[in-house]
Amino acid sequence: MYDLFITHAWRYHEDWTKICDMLNAVPGLAWRNFSLPWHDPAMDPNSEIGGKFIRDSLETQIIPAHGVIVLAGVYRVKSARRWLDLEVEMARTHNKPIIGMPPIGEALVSDEVKALCDATVGWDAAALIAALDEIRGRKESGVR
């Protein structure tokens, strides 16, 4: 079973939907989506209380995950960067593998996104799972 947090910045982006569909289509792959791109619209993320509520919600989604998937297509959205940077920071704090994926229709991630990640892969579920397994193994054994 793979528990994954997929970066989202509180919206159902096309990339987010595509990766969920891709993983769901793999026969025999058991995975759970720990990223829920929803928040109470009455919570103002720019207020102290609303920001804390959202940060706490994100952290409770990231802590149990086996890995964090950074979607470069979502990272391109300027208003999303604040949240993605926070998600990456939380993943680092909790020693979660971070894997980057390029925007839909592209083969590579930008150097900026690559710098946030432990590895990058294309739109291939087998490559994603293999990278996650490899990084988790290194982290568990203390190898960098």
Protein backbone atom coordinates (compact mmCIF):
# COMPACT_ATOMS: atom_id res chain seq x y z
CA MET A 1 0.00 0.00 0.00
CA TYR A 2 1.36 3.41 -0.98
CA ASP A 3 0.08 6.47 0.84
CA LEU A 4 0.85 9.51 -1.30
CA PHE A 5 0.51 13.24 -0.89
CA ILE A 6 0.22 15.01 -4.24
CA THR A 7 0.88 18.75 -4.28
CA HIS A 8 -2.25 20.67 -5.10
CA ALA A 9 -2.44 24.20 -3.66
CA TRP A 10 -6.11 23.70 -2.76
CA ARG A 11 -7.43 23.13 -6.27
CA TYR A 12 -8.16 20.16 -8.48
CA HIS A 13 -5.58 21.00 -11.14
CA GLU A 14 -5.53 18.99 -14.37
CA ASP A 15 -2.13 17.51 -13.41
CA TRP A 16 -3.51 16.41 -10.03
CA THR A 17 -6.47 14.69 -11.66
CA LYS A 18 -4.25 13.05 -14.28
CA ILE A 19 -1.83 11.54 -11.76
CA CYS A 20 -4.74 10.17 -9.72
CA ASP A 21 -6.22 8.61 -12.87
CA MET A 22 -2.81 7.23 -13.87
CA LEU A 23 -2.25 5.56 -10.50
CA ASN A 24 -5.82 4.25 -10.37
CA ALA A 25 -5.32 2.60 -13.78
CA VAL A 26 -2.37 0.45 -12.66
CA PRO A 27 -3.62 -3.11 -12.10
CA GLY A 28 -2.80 -4.31 -8.61
CA LEU A 29 -1.39 -1.00 -7.37
CA ALA A 30 -2.79 -0.29 -3.93
CA TRP A 31 -2.50 3.38 -3.10
CA ARG A 32 -4.30 6.00 -1.06
CA ASN A 33 -4.50 9.67 -1.85
CA PHE A 34 -3.58 11.67 1.23
CA SER A 35 -3.94 15.00 -0.56
CA LEU A 36 -7.35 16.55 -0.40
CA PRO A 37 -7.38 19.82 -2.35
CA TRP A 38 -10.22 21.35 -0.44
CA HIS A 39 -10.56 23.87 2.30
CA ASP A 40 -13.43 25.68 3.94
CA PRO A 41 -13.92 28.83 1.83
CA ALA A 42 -14.94 30.64 5.00
CA MET A 43 -11.35 30.15 6.23
CA ASP A 44 -9.26 33.02 4.98
CA PRO A 45 -5.78 31.56 4.38
CA ASN A 46 -4.34 35.04 4.77
CA SER A 47 -5.64 35.43 8.33
CA GLU A 48 -3.71 34.06 11.29
CA ILE A 49 -6.43 31.55 12.23
CA GLY A 50 -7.18 30.51 8.63
CA GLY A 51 -3.49 30.11 7.78
CA LYS A 52 -2.90 27.95 10.84
CA PHE A 53 -5.95 25.83 10.06
CA ILE A 54 -4.73 25.19 6.51
CA ARG A 55 -1.12 24.54 7.58
CA ASP A 56 -2.32 22.06 10.21
CA SER A 57 -4.57 20.37 7.67
CA LEU A 58 -1.70 20.03 5.19
CA GLU A 59 0.64 18.64 7.82
CA THR A 60 -1.88 16.00 8.90
CA GLN A 61 -2.07 14.88 5.27
CA ILE A 62 1.73 14.77 4.80
CA ILE A 63 2.77 13.08 8.08
CA PRO A 64 1.29 9.62 7.29
CA ALA A 65 2.25 9.69 3.60
CA HIS A 66 5.03 7.47 2.24
CA GLY A 67 6.01 10.18 -0.23
CA VAL A 68 5.19 13.59 -1.66
CA ILE A 69 4.72 14.12 -5.39
CA VAL A 70 5.54 17.64 -6.61
CA LEU A 71 3.63 18.45 -9.78
CA ALA A 72 5.66 20.95 -11.78
CA GLY A 73 2.53 22.01 -13.67
CA VAL A 74 0.96 23.13 -10.40
CA TYR A 75 4.23 24.77 -9.32
CA ARG A 76 4.07 26.98 -12.44
CA VAL A 77 0.95 28.65 -11.07
CA LYS A 78 2.36 31.65 -9.20
CA SER A 79 -0.43 31.70 -6.62
CA ALA A 80 0.22 28.00 -5.87
CA ARG A 81 3.91 28.37 -5.01
CA ARG A 82 3.25 29.57 -1.49
CA TRP A 83 1.42 26.35 -0.74
CA LEU A 84 3.75 24.04 -2.63
CA ASP A 85 6.77 25.52 -0.89
CA LEU A 86 5.02 24.89 2.44
CA GLU A 87 4.15 21.31 1.41
CA VAL A 88 7.78 20.65 0.43
CA GLU A 89 9.02 22.18 3.69
CA MET A 90 6.69 19.90 5.66
CA ALA A 91 7.80 16.87 3.64
CA ARG A 92 11.43 17.70 4.46
CA THR A 93 10.62 18.21 8.14
CA HIS A 94 9.00 14.77 8.28
CA ASN A 95 11.71 13.10 6.14
CA LYS A 96 9.35 12.17 3.30
CA PRO A 97 10.69 11.30 -0.15
CA ILE A 98 9.88 14.05 -2.64
CA ILE A 99 9.45 13.14 -6.30
CA GLY A 100 8.91 15.72 -9.02
CA MET A 101 6.86 15.20 -12.16
CA PRO A 102 6.85 17.48 -15.23
CA PRO A 103 3.82 19.40 -16.44
CA ILE A 104 1.43 17.37 -18.59
CA GLY A 105 2.83 16.96 -22.10
CA GLU A 106 6.40 17.76 -21.10
CA ALA A 107 9.32 15.44 -20.44
CA LEU A 108 11.34 17.42 -17.88
CA VAL A 109 10.88 19.50 -14.78
CA SER A 110 12.52 22.90 -14.38
CA ASP A 111 15.77 23.21 -12.45
CA GLU A 112 13.82 25.12 -9.82
CA VAL A 113 11.47 22.19 -9.23
CA LYS A 114 14.29 19.64 -9.52
CA ALA A 115 16.07 21.41 -6.65
CA LEU A 116 13.06 20.74 -4.40
CA CYS A 117 13.01 16.99 -5.09
CA ASP A 118 14.91 13.84 -4.23
CA ALA A 119 14.18 12.53 -7.74
CA THR A 120 12.16 13.35 -10.83
CA VAL A 121 10.25 11.02 -13.14
CA GLY A 122 8.06 11.33 -16.21
CA TRP A 123 4.40 10.46 -16.45
CA ASP A 124 4.95 6.76 -15.80
CA ALA A 125 3.43 5.07 -12.75
CA ALA A 126 6.04 2.28 -12.65
CA ALA A 127 8.89 4.82 -12.69
CA LEU A 128 7.18 6.84 -9.96
CA ILE A 129 6.75 3.82 -7.68
CA ALA A 130 10.31 2.60 -8.39
CA ALA A 131 11.73 6.04 -7.49
CA LEU A 132 9.63 6.17 -4.33
CA ASP A 133 10.78 2.69 -3.26
CA GLU A 134 14.43 3.55 -3.97
CA ILE A 135 14.34 6.82 -2.02
CA ARG A 136 12.43 5.29 0.89
CA GLY A 137 15.01 2.52 1.07
CA ARG A 138 17.85 5.05 1.18
CA LYS A 139 16.14 7.17 3.82
CA GLU A 140 15.35 4.15 6.00
CA SER A 141 18.94 2.93 5.82
CA GLY A 142 20.33 6.41 6.46
CA VAL A 143 22.01 6.67 3.03
CA ARG A 144 21.64 9.97 1.19
